[in-house]
Amino acid sequence: MNKKEVVGDPVIIDGRILSLSRAIRAGDFIFLTGQIPFKNGEVMTTGTIEEQTIAVLDEIKETLSIANCDLEDVVKAMVWLTKKEYFPGFNNVFSKYFPKDPPARSAVVNELLVDVKVEVEVIAYKPEK
């Protein structure tokens, strides 16, 4: 493959098609858009950090499956939390999704564009056959 390939359908929130792709495959790498928590198709602005992290990581798993990947293919995770106090709860959930050979990871505290507690972006490596 010599060019990028869009993975998945367009991202639609509140009837608007967003100006981003769910994921992009570029050769052997899959780059996912930062994922915020959704529940029943709506942005999850309530719930604990653990509940929101589960929602985010489940959505990441779903997107990876569209690209014929799984969590074991993730090589890098970038994490944004709205409060540093959320890190232990986030990390507890994250470690259950990546129990063996976890990806390289960075985490920062930052205000997010929407009223959620966490956003996670990942890069996966899955050689094309």
Protein backbone atom coordinates (compact mmCIF):
# COMPACT_ATOMS: atom_id res chain seq x y z
CA MET A 1 0.00 0.00 0.00
CA ASN A 2 1.44 3.34 -1.02
CA LYS A 3 -1.24 5.73 0.19
CA LYS A 4 -3.38 6.29 3.21
CA GLU A 5 -6.68 4.49 3.61
CA VAL A 6 -9.63 5.69 5.67
CA VAL A 7 -10.85 3.09 8.17
CA GLY A 8 -14.54 3.01 9.09
CA ASP A 9 -17.47 5.23 8.32
CA PRO A 10 -17.50 9.01 8.74
CA VAL A 11 -17.81 10.23 12.33
CA ILE A 12 -21.26 11.74 12.92
CA ILE A 13 -22.30 13.51 16.13
CA ASP A 14 -25.65 15.21 16.56
CA GLY A 15 -26.33 14.77 12.83
CA ARG A 16 -23.09 16.54 11.82
CA ILE A 17 -20.36 14.79 9.88
CA LEU A 18 -17.11 15.73 11.61
CA SER A 19 -14.04 16.79 9.63
CA LEU A 20 -11.95 13.83 10.77
CA SER A 21 -11.61 10.13 10.09
CA ARG A 22 -12.24 7.45 12.68
CA ALA A 23 -8.87 5.98 11.75
CA ILE A 24 -6.29 6.04 8.97
CA ARG A 25 -4.14 3.14 7.80
CA ALA A 26 -0.79 4.25 6.43
CA GLY A 27 1.20 1.17 5.42
CA ASP A 28 1.58 -1.06 8.45
CA PHE A 29 0.40 1.59 10.94
CA ILE A 30 -3.14 2.48 11.98
CA PHE A 31 -3.68 5.92 13.53
CA LEU A 32 -6.90 6.35 15.51
CA THR A 33 -8.56 9.67 16.18
CA GLY A 34 -8.63 10.63 19.84
CA GLN A 35 -11.59 8.84 21.39
CA ILE A 36 -13.89 10.35 24.00
CA PRO A 37 -16.49 8.31 25.91
CA PHE A 38 -19.82 7.58 24.26
CA LYS A 39 -22.81 5.79 25.71
CA ASN A 40 -25.85 4.89 23.62
CA GLY A 41 -24.53 7.07 20.79
CA GLU A 42 -24.16 10.22 22.89
CA VAL A 43 -21.17 11.92 24.48
CA MET A 44 -20.89 10.57 28.04
CA THR A 45 -20.59 13.68 30.23
CA THR A 46 -21.45 11.80 33.43
CA GLY A 47 -19.99 8.74 35.12
CA THR A 48 -16.78 8.00 36.95
CA ILE A 49 -13.35 8.12 35.36
CA GLU A 50 -13.43 4.32 35.37
CA GLU A 51 -16.77 4.21 33.50
CA GLN A 52 -15.61 6.79 30.98
CA THR A 53 -12.30 4.97 30.45
CA ILE A 54 -14.11 1.69 29.80
CA ALA A 55 -16.34 3.44 27.22
CA VAL A 56 -13.29 4.94 25.50
CA LEU A 57 -11.28 1.71 25.41
CA ASP A 58 -14.28 -0.31 24.18
CA GLU A 59 -14.72 2.16 21.31
CA ILE A 60 -11.01 1.89 20.52
CA LYS A 61 -11.34 -1.91 20.43
CA GLU A 62 -14.26 -1.59 18.00
CA THR A 63 -12.34 0.76 15.69
CA LEU A 64 -9.28 -1.49 15.77
CA SER A 65 -11.44 -4.47 14.80
CA ILE A 66 -12.65 -2.59 11.70
CA ALA A 67 -8.95 -2.30 10.74
CA ASN A 68 -8.43 -6.04 11.46
CA CYS A 69 -6.43 -5.23 14.60
CA ASP A 70 -6.86 -5.63 18.33
CA LEU A 71 -5.46 -4.08 21.48
CA GLU A 72 -2.32 -6.25 21.29
CA ASP A 73 -1.39 -4.33 18.12
CA VAL A 74 -1.35 -0.95 19.91
CA VAL A 75 2.19 0.41 20.16
CA LYS A 76 1.50 3.92 21.49
CA ALA A 77 -1.25 5.55 23.54
CA MET A 78 -1.69 9.26 24.20
CA VAL A 79 -3.97 10.16 27.09
CA TRP A 80 -5.63 13.41 28.10
CA LEU A 81 -7.28 13.74 31.50
CA THR A 82 -9.08 16.81 32.81
CA LYS A 83 -7.72 16.32 36.36
CA LYS A 84 -4.54 14.67 37.61
CA GLU A 85 -6.60 13.03 40.36
CA TYR A 86 -8.22 10.88 37.66
CA PHE A 87 -4.97 9.13 36.79
CA PRO A 88 -5.15 6.25 39.33
CA GLY A 89 -8.70 5.30 38.26
CA PHE A 90 -7.81 5.63 34.59
CA ASN A 91 -4.61 3.61 35.04
CA ASN A 92 -6.46 0.82 36.88
CA VAL A 93 -8.83 0.33 33.93
CA PHE A 94 -6.13 0.82 31.29
CA SER A 95 -3.96 -1.89 32.87
CA LYS A 96 -6.83 -4.40 32.57
CA TYR A 97 -7.15 -3.73 28.82
CA PHE A 98 -3.37 -3.99 28.33
CA PRO A 99 -2.30 -6.66 30.87
CA LYS A 100 0.73 -7.89 28.89
CA ASP A 101 3.31 -5.86 26.98
CA PRO A 102 1.42 -2.56 27.31
CA PRO A 103 2.02 0.13 24.70
CA ALA A 104 4.29 3.12 25.18
CA ARG A 105 2.15 5.83 26.72
CA SER A 106 2.10 9.50 27.54
CA ALA A 107 -0.51 11.27 29.65
CA VAL A 108 -1.21 14.94 30.21
CA VAL A 109 -3.75 16.99 32.12
CA ASN A 110 -5.60 19.35 29.84
CA GLU A 111 -9.01 20.90 29.36
CA LEU A 112 -10.87 19.00 26.68
CA LEU A 113 -13.10 20.47 24.01
CA VAL A 114 -16.10 18.63 25.42
CA ASP A 115 -17.24 18.01 28.98
CA VAL A 116 -15.69 14.58 29.53
CA LYS A 117 -12.96 13.34 31.84
CA VAL A 118 -10.72 11.43 29.40
CA GLU A 119 -9.63 11.16 25.78
CA VAL A 120 -7.32 8.47 24.40
CA GLU A 121 -5.59 8.29 21.02
CA VAL A 122 -3.69 5.20 19.89
CA ILE A 123 -1.39 4.05 17.13
CA ALA A 124 -1.38 0.38 16.16
CA TYR A 125 1.11 -1.61 14.12
CA LYS A 126 -0.28 -4.43 11.99
CA PRO A 127 1.71 -5.44 8.89
CA GLU A 128 -0.42 -5.88 5.81
CA LYS A 129 -0.45 -9.35 4.37
